[in-house]
Protein backbone atom coordinates (compact mmCIF):
# COMPACT_ATOMS: atom_id res chain seq x y z
CA MET A 1 -0.45 99.44 -86.30
CA THR A 2 2.90 98.20 -85.01
CA THR A 3 5.07 96.42 -87.56
CA ILE A 4 8.29 94.46 -87.20
CA ALA A 5 9.94 97.05 -89.46
CA ASP A 6 8.96 99.84 -87.01
CA VAL A 7 10.26 97.88 -84.03
CA GLU A 8 13.48 96.85 -85.79
CA ARG A 9 14.19 100.44 -86.88
CA PHE A 10 13.72 101.60 -83.28
CA ILE A 11 15.98 98.88 -81.82
CA VAL A 12 18.72 99.50 -84.39
CA ARG A 13 18.64 103.22 -83.53
CA GLU A 14 18.67 102.47 -79.79
CA VAL A 15 21.81 100.30 -79.91
CA ARG A 16 23.52 102.70 -82.31
CA LEU A 17 23.16 105.45 -79.71
CA LEU A 18 25.06 103.22 -77.29
CA ASP A 19 27.78 102.52 -79.87
CA GLU A 20 28.15 106.25 -80.52
CA ARG A 21 28.35 106.89 -76.73
CA ARG A 22 25.28 109.12 -77.00
CA PHE A 23 24.15 107.95 -73.59
CA GLU A 24 21.91 110.93 -72.85
CA ASP A 25 20.02 110.39 -76.13
CA TRP A 26 19.77 106.67 -75.31
CA MET A 27 18.35 107.43 -71.87
CA ALA A 28 15.80 109.80 -73.46
CA LEU A 29 14.29 106.79 -75.27
CA PHE A 30 13.04 105.48 -71.91
CA ASP A 31 9.70 106.59 -70.50
CA ASP A 32 9.89 108.42 -67.18
CA ASP A 33 9.08 105.18 -65.34
CA GLY A 34 11.27 103.09 -67.67
CA TYR A 35 14.10 100.85 -66.58
CA TYR A 36 16.94 98.73 -67.96
CA TRP A 37 17.49 95.31 -66.43
CA ALA A 38 20.13 92.62 -66.94
CA PRO A 39 19.40 89.62 -64.70
CA ALA A 40 22.23 87.66 -63.11
CA ALA A 41 20.30 84.37 -63.25
CA LEU A 42 18.75 82.60 -66.25
CA ASP A 43 15.34 82.07 -64.69
CA GLN A 44 15.12 85.33 -62.75
CA LYS A 45 11.52 86.51 -62.81
CA ASP A 46 11.85 89.74 -60.86
CA PRO A 47 14.70 92.23 -60.36
CA HIS A 48 13.79 92.57 -56.67
CA ASP A 49 14.26 88.92 -55.66
CA HIS A 50 17.87 88.43 -56.81
CA VAL A 51 20.97 90.47 -57.47
CA SER A 52 21.18 91.78 -61.06
CA LEU A 53 24.03 92.79 -63.35
CA PHE A 54 22.15 96.03 -64.07
CA PHE A 55 18.84 97.30 -62.75
CA ASP A 56 18.72 100.98 -63.63
CA ASP A 57 15.77 103.33 -63.55
CA LYS A 58 16.21 106.74 -65.18
CA LYS A 59 17.72 108.27 -62.03
CA ILE A 60 20.36 105.53 -61.81
CA MET A 61 20.95 105.74 -65.58
CA ALA A 62 21.65 109.46 -65.21
CA THR A 63 24.12 108.77 -62.39
CA ARG A 64 25.85 106.04 -64.42
CA ILE A 65 26.10 108.35 -67.45
CA GLU A 66 27.50 111.15 -65.30
CA ARG A 67 30.19 108.78 -64.05
CA LEU A 68 30.96 107.62 -67.59
CA ARG A 69 31.42 111.26 -68.62
CA HIS A 70 33.77 112.09 -65.71
CA PRO A 71 37.27 112.82 -67.09
CA ARG A 72 39.01 110.65 -64.47
CA ILE A 73 36.85 107.52 -64.49
CA HIS A 74 39.47 104.80 -64.20
CA ILE A 75 37.28 101.97 -65.48
CA GLN A 76 36.69 103.85 -68.75
CA THR A 77 40.13 105.34 -69.40
CA PRO A 78 40.42 104.93 -72.32
CA PRO A 79 36.71 104.71 -73.14
CA SER A 80 35.15 101.52 -74.45
CA ARG A 81 34.31 101.19 -78.12
CA THR A 82 31.31 99.01 -78.79
CA VAL A 83 29.35 97.58 -81.65
CA HIS A 84 25.96 95.95 -81.26
CA LEU A 85 24.50 93.52 -83.77
CA VAL A 86 20.79 92.81 -83.47
CA GLY A 87 18.63 90.41 -85.43
CA ASN A 88 15.74 87.97 -85.32
CA VAL A 89 13.40 90.76 -84.25
CA GLU A 90 9.99 89.53 -83.17
CA ILE A 91 6.84 91.12 -81.86
CA GLU A 92 5.72 88.76 -79.13
CA GLU A 93 2.55 90.51 -78.03
CA VAL A 94 0.57 93.64 -78.91
CA ASP A 95 -1.72 95.53 -76.56
CA ALA A 96 -3.40 97.95 -78.98
CA GLU A 97 -5.63 99.37 -76.27
CA ARG A 98 -2.62 100.53 -74.24
CA GLY A 99 -0.46 101.29 -77.28
CA GLU A 100 2.22 98.85 -76.15
CA CYS A 101 4.01 95.85 -77.53
CA LEU A 102 6.39 93.25 -76.19
CA ALA A 103 9.26 92.73 -78.61
CA GLY A 104 12.50 90.79 -78.61
CA CYS A 105 15.65 90.22 -80.61
CA ALA A 106 18.95 88.40 -80.46
CA PHE A 107 22.05 90.51 -79.84
CA ILE A 108 25.82 90.37 -79.84
CA MET A 109 27.85 93.23 -78.40
CA LEU A 110 31.61 93.59 -78.80
CA GLU A 111 33.47 95.87 -76.42
CA TYR A 112 37.06 96.99 -76.93
CA ARG A 113 39.27 99.28 -74.89
CA PRO A 114 42.84 99.93 -76.04
CA GLY A 115 45.21 97.98 -73.82
CA HIS A 116 42.51 95.49 -72.76
CA ASP A 117 41.13 92.25 -74.17
CA GLN A 118 38.09 92.53 -76.39
CA ARG A 119 34.93 91.24 -74.71
CA THR A 120 31.88 89.64 -76.29
CA PHE A 121 28.39 89.64 -74.83
CA GLY A 122 25.41 87.93 -76.37
CA GLY A 123 21.88 86.97 -75.64
CA ARG A 124 18.37 88.22 -76.17
CA TYR A 125 16.85 91.61 -75.54
CA GLN A 126 13.23 91.96 -74.55
CA TYR A 127 11.44 95.30 -74.69
CA ARG A 128 8.12 96.63 -73.51
CA LEU A 129 7.60 99.47 -76.00
CA ARG A 130 5.00 102.21 -75.78
CA ARG A 131 3.85 104.21 -78.77
CA ARG A 132 5.27 107.74 -78.74
CA GLY A 133 4.07 109.54 -81.84
CA GLU A 134 5.52 107.79 -84.89
CA SER A 135 8.07 105.89 -82.77
CA PHE A 136 8.29 104.28 -79.34
CA ALA A 137 9.41 104.85 -75.77
CA ILE A 138 10.95 102.06 -73.73
CA ALA A 139 8.86 101.06 -70.72
CA TRP A 140 11.50 98.47 -69.91
CA LYS A 141 14.39 96.69 -71.54
CA ARG A 142 15.71 93.35 -70.34
CA ALA A 143 19.10 92.03 -71.51
CA ASN A 144 19.18 88.26 -71.06
CA LEU A 145 22.85 87.32 -71.39
CA ILE A 146 23.54 83.69 -72.24
CA ASN A 147 26.32 83.71 -69.63
CA CYS A 148 24.57 85.92 -67.07
CA ASP A 149 25.58 83.57 -64.26
CA GLY A 150 29.27 83.74 -65.21
CA THR A 151 31.89 85.97 -63.69
CA PHE A 152 32.63 89.38 -65.18
CA PRO A 153 35.30 91.99 -64.75
CA ALA A 154 33.69 95.34 -63.95
CA LEU A 155 30.80 96.29 -66.24
CA ALA A 156 30.61 100.01 -66.91
CA VAL A 157 28.73 100.52 -70.17
CA PRO A 158 25.27 99.13 -70.89
CA PHE A 159 25.34 96.11 -73.14
């Protein structure tokens, strides 16, 4: 049985890993075939038919994390500090036979780097979650930014 409380606990833990810069632990939440996607268009149906802000499978996530950990990465010197707020968690669909659910929530993420303006990102996350023991694994995560079609300075950390 999948409950909103289970899903919310998982999502809160997932974004906290990002805020604590525990990127390897965050990546471990994804199934081997999992991916993270942030479309660059409001109505984008598929990551393959349009450019995306992020479209990372686990191999690309590992490369991005390796770059973020490099001591001379200009775009993250000094490193970003982030805080994610999530709410309005919903279970949109349950596939008990496959042990999966489609869930979503609203989010706001603040990013600050000393010497730079604070940035705010907001929108809605969607997740395809697969049961993994008492918790979940992420089959995919989609970050639907409300301003996805805007212009952005370089994006280095997942939002």
